């Protein structure tokens, strides 16, 4: 399920015209949650959605309507309630210890793979 979730994250990000670096950051956040053992069958889609949302907010210059569009797309793609997503966003933020700015060496491998695929 994790590779397919990552594919969904990437497809959704492309639909919303997010940069590859944003997707790369979302992957790193997601992997950190996996390594911490925070993922389970019930929350994995919420985790993936929250990671994309946080990465988009931190790395993109999104306007209010673009954030709303992204949330709409996340809700539609992962089939969860926006209220659950927004609540879970804070849970993910705490699990990541508010460390949203990532060192280049964590983001670069994902970024290279994404840019070589396209």
Protein backbone atom coordinates (compact mmCIF):
# COMPACT_ATOMS: atom_id res chain seq x y z
CA UNK A 1 0.00 0.00 0.00
CA UNK A 2 2.85 2.47 0.61
CA UNK A 3 4.16 2.54 -2.99
CA UNK A 4 0.61 2.93 -4.31
CA UNK A 5 -0.03 5.75 -1.83
CA UNK A 6 3.13 7.47 -3.02
CA UNK A 7 1.95 7.11 -6.61
CA UNK A 8 -1.38 8.68 -5.62
CA UNK A 9 0.49 11.52 -3.88
CA UNK A 10 2.52 12.12 -7.04
CA UNK A 11 -0.49 11.98 -9.39
CA UNK A 12 -2.47 14.36 -7.22
CA UNK A 13 0.46 16.74 -6.99
CA UNK A 14 0.79 16.78 -10.77
CA UNK A 15 -2.96 17.46 -11.13
CA UNK A 16 -2.57 20.43 -8.78
CA UNK A 17 0.60 21.62 -10.58
CA UNK A 18 2.80 21.22 -7.51
CA UNK A 19 6.56 21.20 -8.08
CA UNK A 20 8.57 17.95 -7.87
CA UNK A 21 10.39 19.36 -4.84
CA UNK A 22 7.03 19.61 -3.04
CA UNK A 23 6.24 15.97 -3.80
CA UNK A 24 9.74 15.02 -2.65
CA UNK A 25 9.19 16.79 0.66
CA UNK A 26 5.82 15.07 1.10
CA UNK A 27 7.54 11.70 0.53
CA UNK A 28 10.15 12.46 3.20
CA UNK A 29 7.46 13.48 5.71
CA UNK A 30 5.50 10.33 4.89
CA UNK A 31 8.55 8.07 5.24
CA UNK A 32 9.38 9.64 8.60
CA UNK A 33 5.88 8.76 9.82
CA UNK A 34 6.30 5.19 8.51
CA UNK A 35 9.66 4.83 10.30
CA UNK A 36 8.12 6.14 13.53
CA UNK A 37 5.41 3.49 13.28
CA UNK A 38 2.66 6.12 13.11
CA UNK A 39 0.91 4.59 10.08
CA UNK A 40 -1.89 2.07 10.26
CA UNK A 41 -4.64 0.90 7.92
CA UNK A 42 -7.08 3.50 9.28
CA UNK A 43 -4.86 6.58 9.02
CA UNK A 44 -2.47 5.96 6.12
CA UNK A 45 -4.52 7.95 3.58
CA UNK A 46 -4.93 10.80 6.05
CA UNK A 47 -1.17 10.70 6.68
CA UNK A 48 -0.44 10.85 2.95
CA UNK A 49 -2.90 13.70 2.45
CA UNK A 50 -1.58 15.68 5.40
CA UNK A 51 2.01 15.23 4.15
CA UNK A 52 1.09 16.60 0.72
CA UNK A 53 -0.81 19.51 2.27
CA UNK A 54 2.04 20.42 4.64
CA UNK A 55 4.66 20.15 1.89
CA UNK A 56 2.56 22.33 -0.41
CA UNK A 57 2.08 24.96 2.28
CA UNK A 58 5.77 25.07 3.21
CA UNK A 59 7.36 24.89 -0.25
CA UNK A 60 4.86 26.57 -2.56
CA UNK A 61 3.55 30.08 -2.70
CA UNK A 62 -0.08 28.97 -2.63
CA UNK A 63 -2.97 31.38 -2.52
CA UNK A 64 -6.04 30.68 -0.42
CA UNK A 65 -8.08 29.34 -3.36
CA UNK A 66 -5.18 27.06 -4.39
CA UNK A 67 -5.02 25.56 -0.89
CA UNK A 68 -8.80 25.02 -1.03
CA UNK A 69 -8.44 23.36 -4.46
CA UNK A 70 -5.69 21.09 -3.10
CA UNK A 71 -7.84 20.10 -0.11
CA UNK A 72 -10.77 19.40 -2.48
CA UNK A 73 -8.53 17.16 -4.61
CA UNK A 74 -7.11 15.37 -1.54
CA UNK A 75 -10.61 14.77 -0.20
CA UNK A 76 -11.76 13.41 -3.57
CA UNK A 77 -8.67 11.26 -4.25
CA UNK A 78 -8.18 9.71 -0.82
CA UNK A 79 -11.89 9.66 0.09
CA UNK A 80 -11.75 11.26 3.51
CA UNK A 81 -13.48 14.20 5.15
CA UNK A 82 -11.72 17.59 4.97
CA UNK A 83 -12.36 18.15 8.68
CA UNK A 84 -10.49 14.92 9.45
CA UNK A 85 -7.65 16.00 7.15
CA UNK A 86 -7.28 19.42 8.73
CA UNK A 87 -7.35 17.92 12.23
CA UNK A 88 -4.82 15.30 11.20
CA UNK A 89 -2.53 17.91 9.70
CA UNK A 90 -1.68 19.05 13.24
CA UNK A 91 -1.13 15.46 14.39
CA UNK A 92 1.39 14.96 11.57
CA UNK A 93 3.05 18.29 12.34
CA UNK A 94 3.56 17.19 15.97
CA UNK A 95 4.83 13.74 14.88
CA UNK A 96 7.37 15.49 12.64
CA UNK A 97 8.32 17.68 15.62
CA UNK A 98 7.49 20.79 13.56
CA UNK A 99 10.58 20.06 11.43
CA UNK A 100 9.11 20.91 8.02
CA UNK A 101 12.26 22.44 6.55
CA UNK A 102 14.28 19.46 5.42
CA UNK A 103 17.99 19.09 4.67
CA UNK A 104 18.75 18.84 0.98
CA UNK A 105 20.23 15.34 1.31
CA UNK A 106 16.83 13.98 2.43
CA UNK A 107 14.85 15.56 -0.41
CA UNK A 108 17.32 15.19 -3.30
CA UNK A 109 17.04 11.41 -3.93
CA UNK A 110 13.26 11.66 -4.35
CA UNK A 111 13.58 14.82 -6.42
CA UNK A 112 16.06 13.19 -8.82
CA UNK A 113 13.86 10.13 -9.27
CA UNK A 114 10.76 12.26 -9.91
CA UNK A 115 12.48 14.53 -12.44
CA UNK A 116 14.04 11.58 -14.28
CA UNK A 117 10.62 9.88 -14.58
CA UNK A 118 9.01 12.86 -16.28
